[in-house]
Amino acid sequence: MGVYHLKNEDVQKILDKYSLEKFIFLEEIKTGLINPVYLVNGKYVLRIEVHTYEKNPDKLKRESILFKLLPKFDIQTPPLIGFDDSKEIIDVPYILLSFIPGESLKQAFNKLTKKQQRAISFQLGAIAKKIHKVTFRDLDNQTMFGNIQKWTEKSLRNFEVHWQIVKDRDYLSDVVKAVIIATLEQFKKVNLDNAGRLTHGDFSASNVQMNKGEIVGIFDFEYSFIADPLWDLQKLPLNFQLANGFSKEEFLKGYGVTMFTNEEKNRLKMYCFHQGVWEIWATVTKFMPFGEKEIKEGIELINNTLSYKLLH
């Protein structure tokens, strides 16, 4: 996580800006790997953009737009209090949200009954589908959300960079490598011009908030772009990193799909391979502070994709 020395007096200025109460206490929330997140007075979440990458500018600004828009699509997000990139109070952009009590789906899932787990699997699929109904027009054609053509080109470029490192390692068998290459070549022939929809970009159990057995919010939209909606399903073969009680069948019912077309199968396989290869690449190159756990997860995701019957 990024380091930022936030002064109490600056927190008070932020609260004053939005006509909120006096500052009492600040608690750092251990979440994410790059930018710090704080809980203010036990009521507000303050996210600070310490590290801004050229590859993902305006991420908090995009989030602020989505936190206003998505509730109109019946998607529960943390209520937005304010976004500020003026650097008048602190020298980095920040976003201030109302705190939603509870714990992440990843933390809560094992505590649910089997019946609740199936219901949550369905609900998670329904949430993904709602996000994927949002179009570029719904976003007022704002260019910061990109377009499907640029996203596809970038996705392919990134994969080939990562693959150049991973393919020469011994993490995957020659047979598996051949399948990945064949899937990539088939993917290059797909026309996605009409497929573009809003994607979450990091659709995972860690970014879904639970309370009393119900999903009460989804957050962390900093990687949201107009893209292929199937991109958000890339961890489906890993049960979205949830326990065995997660039901792929119920998730897909919630998503409104009983069977993928052959083209959709290829696209989804490509994205699953992409995520698995990225986890290996990010560990090997030390791009992220990963270790053996992430390498194993990347390999598992690739192998699970190969054996996932719905994709064959």
Protein backbone atom coordinates (compact mmCIF):
# COMPACT_ATOMS: atom_id res chain seq x y z
CA MET A 1 0.00 0.00 0.00
CA GLY A 2 1.20 3.54 -0.72
CA VAL A 3 2.50 5.66 2.13
CA TYR A 4 1.02 9.08 2.74
CA HIS A 5 1.39 11.21 5.85
CA LEU A 6 -2.09 12.63 6.31
CA LYS A 7 -2.30 15.42 8.87
CA ASN A 8 -5.25 15.65 11.26
CA GLU A 9 -5.75 19.31 10.38
CA ASP A 10 -6.05 18.39 6.70
CA VAL A 11 -8.69 15.78 7.51
CA GLN A 12 -10.61 18.49 9.36
CA LYS A 13 -10.39 20.77 6.32
CA ILE A 14 -11.80 17.98 4.16
CA LEU A 15 -14.68 17.46 6.61
CA ASP A 16 -15.30 21.22 6.69
CA LYS A 17 -15.40 21.35 2.90
CA TYR A 18 -18.44 19.07 2.93
CA SER A 19 -20.03 20.59 6.07
CA LEU A 20 -19.42 17.49 8.16
CA GLU A 21 -18.68 17.17 11.89
CA LYS A 22 -15.44 17.74 13.77
CA PHE A 23 -12.60 15.32 13.25
CA ILE A 24 -12.29 12.71 16.02
CA PHE A 25 -10.12 9.84 14.81
CA LEU A 26 -8.51 8.33 11.76
CA GLU A 27 -7.95 4.63 11.10
CA GLU A 28 -6.09 3.19 8.13
CA ILE A 29 -8.02 0.43 6.36
CA LYS A 30 -5.80 -2.41 5.23
CA THR A 31 -7.04 -2.79 1.70
CA GLY A 32 -5.46 -2.58 -1.72
CA LEU A 33 -1.82 -2.66 -2.69
CA ILE A 34 -1.16 0.84 -3.98
CA ASN A 35 -3.19 3.71 -2.56
CA PRO A 36 -4.02 4.28 1.12
CA VAL A 37 -7.59 4.18 2.44
CA TYR A 38 -8.73 5.67 5.75
CA LEU A 39 -11.82 5.42 7.93
CA VAL A 40 -12.67 8.84 9.38
CA ASN A 41 -14.71 9.04 12.60
CA GLY A 42 -15.92 5.51 11.87
CA LYS A 43 -18.34 7.03 9.33
CA TYR A 44 -16.46 8.09 6.20
CA VAL A 45 -14.04 6.38 3.83
CA LEU A 46 -11.25 8.60 2.52
CA ARG A 47 -9.32 7.21 -0.45
CA ILE A 48 -6.17 8.99 -1.55
CA GLU A 49 -4.52 8.67 -4.95
CA VAL A 50 -0.85 8.64 -4.04
CA HIS A 51 0.35 6.81 -7.13
CA THR A 52 -1.07 7.89 -10.48
CA TYR A 53 -0.03 5.87 -13.50
CA GLU A 54 -0.19 7.12 -17.08
CA LYS A 55 -1.95 3.88 -17.98
CA ASN A 56 -4.85 4.67 -15.64
CA PRO A 57 -5.36 8.42 -15.21
CA ASP A 58 -8.45 9.92 -13.56
CA LYS A 59 -9.33 6.72 -11.73
CA LEU A 60 -10.86 8.41 -8.69
CA LYS A 61 -12.66 10.88 -10.94
CA ARG A 62 -14.19 7.97 -12.86
CA GLU A 63 -15.21 6.39 -9.58
CA SER A 64 -16.92 9.60 -8.46
CA ILE A 65 -18.96 9.64 -11.65
CA LEU A 66 -19.97 6.01 -11.23
CA PHE A 67 -20.92 6.37 -7.56
CA LYS A 68 -23.44 9.00 -8.70
CA LEU A 69 -24.69 7.05 -11.71
CA LEU A 70 -24.84 3.38 -10.70
CA PRO A 71 -27.55 3.65 -8.01
CA LYS A 72 -29.86 4.71 -10.88
CA PHE A 73 -29.26 1.21 -12.28
CA ASP A 74 -30.12 -0.41 -8.94
CA ILE A 75 -26.45 -1.04 -8.18
CA GLN A 76 -25.60 -0.37 -4.55
CA THR A 77 -22.44 1.68 -4.14
CA PRO A 78 -21.06 3.72 -1.24
CA PRO A 79 -22.80 7.13 -1.18
CA LEU A 80 -20.47 9.74 -2.64
CA ILE A 81 -19.76 12.77 -0.46
CA GLY A 82 -17.18 14.41 -2.63
CA PHE A 83 -14.25 14.15 -5.02
CA ASP A 84 -11.46 16.72 -5.20
CA ASP A 85 -8.46 16.79 -7.50
CA SER A 86 -7.75 20.51 -7.06
CA LYS A 87 -4.89 19.74 -4.58
CA GLU A 88 -5.95 22.76 -2.52
CA ILE A 89 -6.22 20.86 0.78
CA ILE A 90 -3.80 18.00 0.18
CA ASP A 91 -1.42 17.62 -2.74
CA VAL A 92 -3.09 14.52 -4.21
CA PRO A 93 -6.62 13.72 -5.47
CA TYR A 94 -9.02 12.16 -2.97
CA ILE A 95 -12.54 10.78 -2.81
CA LEU A 96 -14.75 10.82 0.29
CA LEU A 97 -17.52 8.23 0.71
CA SER A 98 -19.99 7.21 3.37
CA PHE A 99 -18.87 4.04 5.11
CA ILE A 100 -21.06 0.97 4.57
CA PRO A 101 -20.93 -1.27 7.68
CA GLY A 102 -20.15 -4.94 7.24
CA GLU A 103 -17.32 -7.04 5.85
CA SER A 104 -16.18 -8.13 2.43
CA LEU A 105 -17.88 -11.03 0.68
CA LYS A 106 -14.56 -12.87 0.80
CA GLN A 107 -14.55 -12.59 4.61
CA ALA A 108 -18.25 -13.34 5.06
CA PHE A 109 -18.90 -16.15 2.59
CA ASN A 110 -17.79 -19.07 4.78
CA LYS A 111 -20.09 -17.86 7.54
CA LEU A 112 -23.18 -18.23 5.34
CA THR A 113 -25.44 -21.27 5.15
CA LYS A 114 -25.40 -23.31 1.93
CA LYS A 115 -28.74 -21.79 0.99
CA GLN A 116 -27.39 -18.27 1.56
CA GLN A 117 -24.26 -19.05 -0.44
CA ARG A 118 -26.37 -20.08 -3.43
CA ALA A 119 -28.53 -16.97 -3.08
CA ILE A 120 -25.44 -14.75 -2.92
CA SER A 121 -23.98 -16.52 -5.98
CA PHE A 122 -27.16 -15.62 -7.88
CA GLN A 123 -27.12 -12.04 -6.58
CA LEU A 124 -23.48 -11.58 -7.58
CA GLY A 125 -24.32 -12.64 -11.13
CA ALA A 126 -27.26 -10.23 -11.20
CA ILE A 127 -25.02 -7.35 -10.05
CA ALA A 128 -22.47 -8.12 -12.77
CA LYS A 129 -25.26 -8.07 -15.37
CA LYS A 130 -26.56 -4.71 -14.12
CA ILE A 131 -23.10 -3.19 -14.45
CA HIS A 132 -22.78 -4.59 -17.96
CA LYS A 133 -26.02 -2.95 -19.07
CA VAL A 134 -24.43 0.50 -18.70
CA THR A 135 -23.48 1.91 -22.10
CA PHE A 136 -21.13 4.65 -23.27
CA ARG A 137 -24.20 6.83 -23.82
CA ASP A 138 -25.28 6.29 -20.20
CA LEU A 139 -21.85 7.67 -19.25
CA ASP A 140 -22.57 10.81 -21.29
CA ASN A 141 -19.99 9.68 -23.84
CA GLN A 142 -17.18 10.70 -21.50
CA THR A 143 -13.88 9.82 -23.14
CA MET A 144 -12.17 8.95 -19.84
CA PHE A 145 -14.06 5.63 -19.98
CA GLY A 146 -12.40 4.79 -23.29
CA ASN A 147 -13.91 2.63 -26.02
CA ILE A 148 -13.99 -1.04 -26.93
CA GLN A 149 -11.51 -0.71 -29.81
CA LYS A 150 -8.80 0.91 -27.70
CA TRP A 151 -9.47 -1.47 -24.84
CA THR A 152 -9.11 -4.53 -27.10
CA GLU A 153 -5.84 -3.26 -28.56
CA LYS A 154 -4.46 -2.49 -25.11
CA SER A 155 -5.59 -5.84 -23.73
CA LEU A 156 -3.84 -7.72 -26.52
CA ARG A 157 -0.65 -5.67 -26.15
CA ASN A 158 -0.54 -6.27 -22.41
CA PHE A 159 -1.15 -9.98 -22.75
CA GLU A 160 1.62 -10.41 -25.31
CA VAL A 161 4.08 -8.52 -23.07
CA HIS A 162 3.19 -10.75 -20.13
CA TRP A 163 3.20 -13.90 -22.25
CA GLN A 164 6.71 -13.23 -23.53
CA ILE A 165 7.98 -13.63 -19.97
CA VAL A 166 5.74 -16.49 -18.84
CA LYS A 167 5.95 -18.72 -21.92
CA ASP A 168 9.67 -19.33 -21.43
CA ARG A 169 9.21 -20.42 -17.81
CA ASP A 170 8.35 -23.92 -16.61
CA TYR A 171 5.14 -23.03 -14.78
CA LEU A 172 2.95 -24.38 -17.61
CA SER A 173 3.25 -27.53 -19.70
CA ASP A 174 3.87 -27.38 -23.44
CA VAL A 175 0.34 -28.68 -24.02
CA VAL A 176 -1.18 -25.88 -21.94
CA LYS A 177 1.00 -23.28 -23.66
CA ALA A 178 -0.21 -24.55 -27.05
CA VAL A 179 -3.85 -24.19 -25.98
CA ILE A 180 -3.22 -20.62 -24.80
CA ILE A 181 -1.55 -19.70 -28.10
CA ALA A 182 -4.39 -21.26 -30.11
CA THR A 183 -6.98 -19.39 -28.00
CA LEU A 184 -5.07 -16.14 -28.54
CA GLU A 185 -4.96 -16.59 -32.32
CA GLN A 186 -8.68 -17.32 -32.41
CA PHE A 187 -9.39 -14.31 -30.18
CA LYS A 188 -7.54 -12.00 -32.59
CA LYS A 189 -10.18 -12.79 -35.23
CA VAL A 190 -13.13 -11.71 -33.07
CA ASN A 191 -14.94 -8.45 -33.82
CA LEU A 192 -15.92 -6.76 -30.54
CA ASP A 193 -17.09 -3.45 -32.03
CA ASN A 194 -20.62 -3.85 -30.66
CA ALA A 195 -19.70 -5.60 -27.40
CA GLY A 196 -18.51 -2.59 -25.41
CA ARG A 197 -20.20 -2.02 -22.04
CA LEU A 198 -19.14 -0.69 -18.68
CA THR A 199 -16.98 -3.19 -16.80
CA HIS A 200 -16.00 -3.13 -13.14
CA GLY A 201 -12.42 -4.08 -13.99
CA ASP A 202 -11.69 -5.83 -10.68
CA PHE A 203 -14.86 -7.82 -10.07
CA SER A 204 -13.85 -9.82 -7.03
CA ALA A 205 -15.19 -10.92 -3.66
CA SER A 206 -12.89 -8.42 -1.92
CA ASN A 207 -14.76 -5.52 -3.54
CA VAL A 208 -18.25 -6.58 -2.47
CA GLN A 209 -19.57 -5.59 0.97
CA MET A 210 -21.80 -7.88 3.03
CA ASN A 211 -23.95 -7.21 6.08
CA LYS A 212 -26.33 -9.63 7.82
CA GLY A 213 -26.14 -12.14 5.00
CA GLU A 214 -26.92 -9.63 2.24
CA ILE A 215 -24.83 -7.80 -0.35
CA VAL A 216 -25.03 -4.13 0.60
CA GLY A 217 -22.52 -2.53 -1.74
CA ILE A 218 -19.88 -2.86 -4.43
CA PHE A 219 -16.91 -0.54 -4.70
CA ASP A 220 -13.39 -0.07 -6.14
CA PHE A 221 -14.37 0.99 -9.66
CA GLU A 222 -10.99 2.57 -10.39
CA TYR A 223 -10.35 0.14 -13.27
CA SER A 224 -13.79 0.59 -14.83
CA PHE A 225 -13.75 1.16 -18.58
CA ILE A 226 -15.85 0.46 -21.62
CA ALA A 227 -14.69 -3.04 -22.45
CA ASP A 228 -15.88 -6.56 -23.17
CA PRO A 229 -18.22 -7.40 -20.25
CA LEU A 230 -16.89 -10.97 -20.18
CA TRP A 231 -13.64 -9.48 -18.86
CA ASP A 232 -15.30 -9.25 -15.44
CA LEU A 233 -15.93 -13.01 -15.43
CA GLN A 234 -12.27 -13.97 -15.71
CA LYS A 235 -12.16 -15.39 -12.16
CA LEU A 236 -15.33 -17.46 -12.59
CA PRO A 237 -13.33 -20.74 -12.96
CA LEU A 238 -11.81 -19.91 -9.55
CA ASN A 239 -15.27 -19.36 -7.99
CA PHE A 240 -14.26 -15.69 -7.72
CA GLN A 241 -11.83 -16.91 -5.02
CA LEU A 242 -14.73 -17.97 -2.81
CA ALA A 243 -15.29 -21.29 -1.02
CA ASN A 244 -16.72 -24.41 -2.64
CA GLY A 245 -20.20 -23.26 -1.60
CA PHE A 246 -20.11 -20.74 -4.43
CA SER A 247 -22.41 -21.88 -7.24
CA LYS A 248 -21.34 -21.11 -10.81
CA GLU A 249 -24.78 -22.34 -11.91
CA GLU A 250 -26.59 -19.81 -9.72
CA PHE A 251 -24.18 -17.03 -10.69
CA LEU A 252 -24.89 -17.62 -14.38
CA LYS A 253 -28.63 -17.74 -13.71
CA GLY A 254 -28.32 -14.35 -12.04
CA TYR A 255 -26.26 -13.17 -14.99
CA GLY A 256 -28.95 -14.39 -17.37
CA VAL A 257 -26.83 -16.96 -19.23
CA THR A 258 -27.33 -20.72 -19.43
CA MET A 259 -24.79 -21.37 -22.17
CA PHE A 260 -22.14 -19.29 -23.92
CA THR A 261 -21.77 -19.17 -27.70
CA ASN A 262 -18.55 -20.57 -29.15
CA GLU A 263 -17.24 -17.06 -29.64
CA GLU A 264 -18.09 -16.10 -26.06
CA LYS A 265 -16.37 -19.25 -24.79
CA ASN A 266 -13.20 -18.27 -26.61
CA ARG A 267 -13.32 -14.71 -25.30
CA LEU A 268 -13.87 -15.82 -21.72
CA LYS A 269 -11.11 -18.43 -21.95
CA MET A 270 -8.76 -15.74 -23.27
CA TYR A 271 -9.54 -13.43 -20.35
CA CYS A 272 -9.11 -16.22 -17.80
CA PHE A 273 -5.76 -17.13 -19.34
CA HIS A 274 -4.87 -13.45 -19.36
CA GLN A 275 -5.50 -13.11 -15.61
CA GLY A 276 -3.60 -16.30 -14.81
CA VAL A 277 -0.63 -15.29 -16.93
CA TRP A 278 -0.69 -11.79 -15.39
CA GLU A 279 -0.49 -13.19 -11.86
CA ILE A 280 2.58 -15.23 -12.80
CA TRP A 281 4.15 -12.31 -14.70
CA ALA A 282 3.48 -9.78 -11.92
CA THR A 283 5.18 -12.11 -9.42
CA VAL A 284 8.18 -13.01 -11.56
CA THR A 285 8.89 -9.41 -12.59
CA LYS A 286 8.17 -8.08 -9.07
CA PHE A 287 5.60 -5.70 -10.61
CA MET A 288 3.44 -6.45 -7.56
CA PRO A 289 4.46 -7.64 -4.09
CA PHE A 290 3.32 -11.18 -4.87
CA GLY A 291 4.78 -14.57 -4.02
CA GLU A 292 4.25 -18.30 -4.46
CA LYS A 293 0.57 -17.96 -3.51
CA GLU A 294 -0.17 -15.81 -6.58
CA ILE A 295 1.86 -18.03 -8.89
CA LYS A 296 -0.13 -21.05 -7.70
CA GLU A 297 -3.37 -19.12 -8.13
CA GLY A 298 -2.43 -18.11 -11.67
CA ILE A 299 -1.63 -21.70 -12.59
CA GLU A 300 -4.84 -22.92 -10.91
CA LEU A 301 -6.93 -20.40 -12.82
CA ILE A 302 -5.43 -21.50 -16.13
CA ASN A 303 -5.93 -25.20 -15.32
CA ASN A 304 -9.49 -24.63 -14.07
CA THR A 305 -10.28 -22.78 -17.29
CA LEU A 306 -9.05 -25.76 -19.29
CA SER A 307 -11.32 -28.12 -17.34
CA TYR A 308 -14.38 -25.83 -17.03
CA LYS A 309 -16.97 -27.76 -19.03
CA LEU A 310 -19.11 -24.74 -19.89
CA LEU A 311 -16.18 -23.34 -21.90
CA HIS A 312 -15.77 -26.42 -24.08
